[in-house]
Amino acid sequence: MVSDVGSVVQGFYNKTPFPDYDLSRFNCTDDLVANAWSFAEILDRSIDEKASVVDVGTGTGQLSAFLSLRRKNVLGIDFSDSSLNKARALKQKLSLILGVCKRLTFLM
C-alpha cells in the first residue's frame, strides 16, 4: 500500500516528470559520458565493474544508463511511471541492453 506521503510524491512525479529533461541531448553513449555529473563519475570509479547495481529512485535513468556502460547488471527502479517512461526512452534510444527499468509496487 502506498503511504500518504508516497502517494503525494508519486503523483507529483507522474504529473511533472522532470520538466527540464531533454532526451535530445543524448544521441549516443558518448553524450552520457560528456553530460555525467561529478557524482556519477565518482560512483563509476568506486563501483567494481563486476558488481550488480540497483539505482533506487532512478527517475529518468541517466545514472543507471551511465553505470551500465561498464557493468552488465544495472537495475533502475522508481515508482513514477512517467519518470520510468523517460528512462525507457533513453535506454531504447541509446540501445542500452544492460540497463533495465522496472516499477516495483511492493516498495511503496
Protein backbone atom coordinates (compact mmCIF):
# COMPACT_ATOMS: atom_id res chain seq x y z
CA MET A 1 0.00 0.00 0.00
CA VAL A 2 1.28 3.47 -0.86
CA SER A 3 1.65 5.79 2.12
CA ASP A 4 0.05 9.24 2.05
CA VAL A 5 3.47 10.85 1.51
CA GLY A 6 4.34 8.25 -1.12
CA SER A 7 1.09 8.99 -2.95
CA VAL A 8 1.84 12.72 -2.99
CA VAL A 9 5.39 12.20 -4.26
CA GLN A 10 4.29 9.64 -6.83
CA GLY A 11 1.50 11.92 -8.03
CA PHE A 12 3.90 14.86 -8.36
CA TYR A 13 6.42 12.94 -10.47
CA ASN A 14 3.73 11.29 -12.57
CA LYS A 15 2.27 14.72 -13.30
CA THR A 16 5.57 16.61 -13.66
CA PRO A 17 8.36 14.14 -14.52
CA PHE A 18 11.50 16.29 -14.70
CA PRO A 19 10.17 19.08 -16.96
CA ASP A 20 13.67 20.30 -17.88
CA TYR A 21 14.79 16.83 -19.00
CA ASP A 22 15.64 16.86 -22.70
CA LEU A 23 16.15 13.46 -24.31
CA SER A 24 17.51 15.10 -27.48
CA ARG A 25 20.82 15.90 -25.73
CA PHE A 26 21.61 12.17 -25.62
CA ASN A 27 22.25 10.88 -29.14
CA CYS A 28 24.95 8.35 -28.30
CA THR A 29 26.62 6.82 -25.26
CA ASP A 30 29.41 9.40 -25.54
CA ASP A 31 26.77 12.02 -24.68
CA LEU A 32 26.07 10.15 -21.43
CA VAL A 33 29.75 10.38 -20.56
CA ALA A 34 30.01 14.05 -21.58
CA ASN A 35 26.93 15.01 -19.50
CA ALA A 36 27.78 12.89 -16.45
CA TRP A 37 27.79 14.68 -13.12
CA SER A 38 30.88 14.52 -10.91
CA PHE A 39 28.93 12.31 -8.51
CA ALA A 40 28.24 9.79 -11.30
CA GLU A 41 31.92 9.74 -12.25
CA ILE A 42 32.94 9.12 -8.62
CA LEU A 43 30.40 6.27 -8.33
CA ASP A 44 31.58 4.80 -11.62
CA ARG A 45 35.18 4.74 -10.40
CA SER A 46 34.18 3.39 -6.97
CA ILE A 47 31.92 0.50 -8.03
CA ASP A 48 33.60 -2.62 -9.35
CA GLU A 49 32.78 -3.42 -12.98
CA LYS A 50 31.58 -6.90 -11.95
CA ALA A 51 29.17 -5.52 -9.34
CA SER A 52 25.40 -5.51 -9.70
CA VAL A 53 23.88 -2.07 -9.18
CA VAL A 54 20.37 -1.09 -8.08
CA ASP A 55 19.55 2.59 -8.60
CA VAL A 56 16.58 3.23 -6.29
CA GLY A 57 14.74 6.36 -7.37
CA THR A 58 16.27 6.23 -10.84
CA GLY A 59 14.00 8.94 -12.23
CA THR A 60 14.92 9.49 -15.88
CA GLY A 61 17.57 6.75 -15.70
CA GLN A 62 20.62 8.81 -16.59
CA LEU A 63 22.73 7.44 -13.72
CA SER A 64 21.63 3.85 -14.39
CA ALA A 65 22.38 4.25 -18.08
CA PHE A 66 25.80 5.75 -17.35
CA LEU A 67 26.72 3.00 -14.90
CA SER A 68 25.53 0.33 -17.35
CA LEU A 69 28.20 1.38 -19.83
CA ARG A 70 30.76 -0.59 -17.77
CA ARG A 71 28.54 -3.09 -15.95
CA LYS A 72 26.35 -5.99 -17.04
CA ASN A 73 23.71 -5.87 -14.32
CA VAL A 74 22.22 -2.45 -13.59
CA LEU A 75 18.63 -2.09 -12.45
CA GLY A 76 16.88 1.26 -12.13
CA ILE A 77 13.67 1.33 -10.10
CA ASP A 78 11.25 4.17 -9.47
CA PHE A 79 7.61 4.46 -8.52
CA SER A 80 6.82 7.15 -11.08
CA ASP A 81 5.59 5.63 -14.33
CA SER A 82 6.17 8.93 -16.13
CA SER A 83 9.80 9.06 -15.00
CA LEU A 84 10.31 5.42 -15.95
CA ASN A 85 8.90 6.13 -19.41
CA LYS A 86 11.68 8.70 -19.85
CA ALA A 87 14.24 6.19 -18.58
CA ARG A 88 12.97 3.54 -21.01
CA ALA A 89 13.12 6.04 -23.88
CA LEU A 90 16.76 6.84 -23.04
CA LYS A 91 17.61 3.15 -22.83
CA GLN A 92 15.95 2.45 -26.18
CA LYS A 93 17.42 5.50 -27.94
CA LEU A 94 20.96 4.55 -26.91
CA SER A 95 20.40 0.81 -27.49
CA LEU A 96 21.40 0.02 -23.91
CA ILE A 97 20.62 -3.63 -23.40
CA LEU A 98 22.25 -3.72 -19.97
CA GLY A 99 20.22 -1.08 -18.19
CA VAL A 100 16.78 -2.21 -17.01
CA CYS A 101 13.98 -0.12 -15.52
CA LYS A 102 11.14 -1.73 -13.62
CA ARG A 103 8.35 -0.48 -11.38
CA LEU A 104 8.17 -2.44 -8.14
CA THR A 105 4.90 -1.65 -6.43
CA PHE A 106 5.66 -3.53 -3.22
CA LEU A 107 8.31 -0.92 -2.31
CA MET A 108 5.70 1.80 -1.96
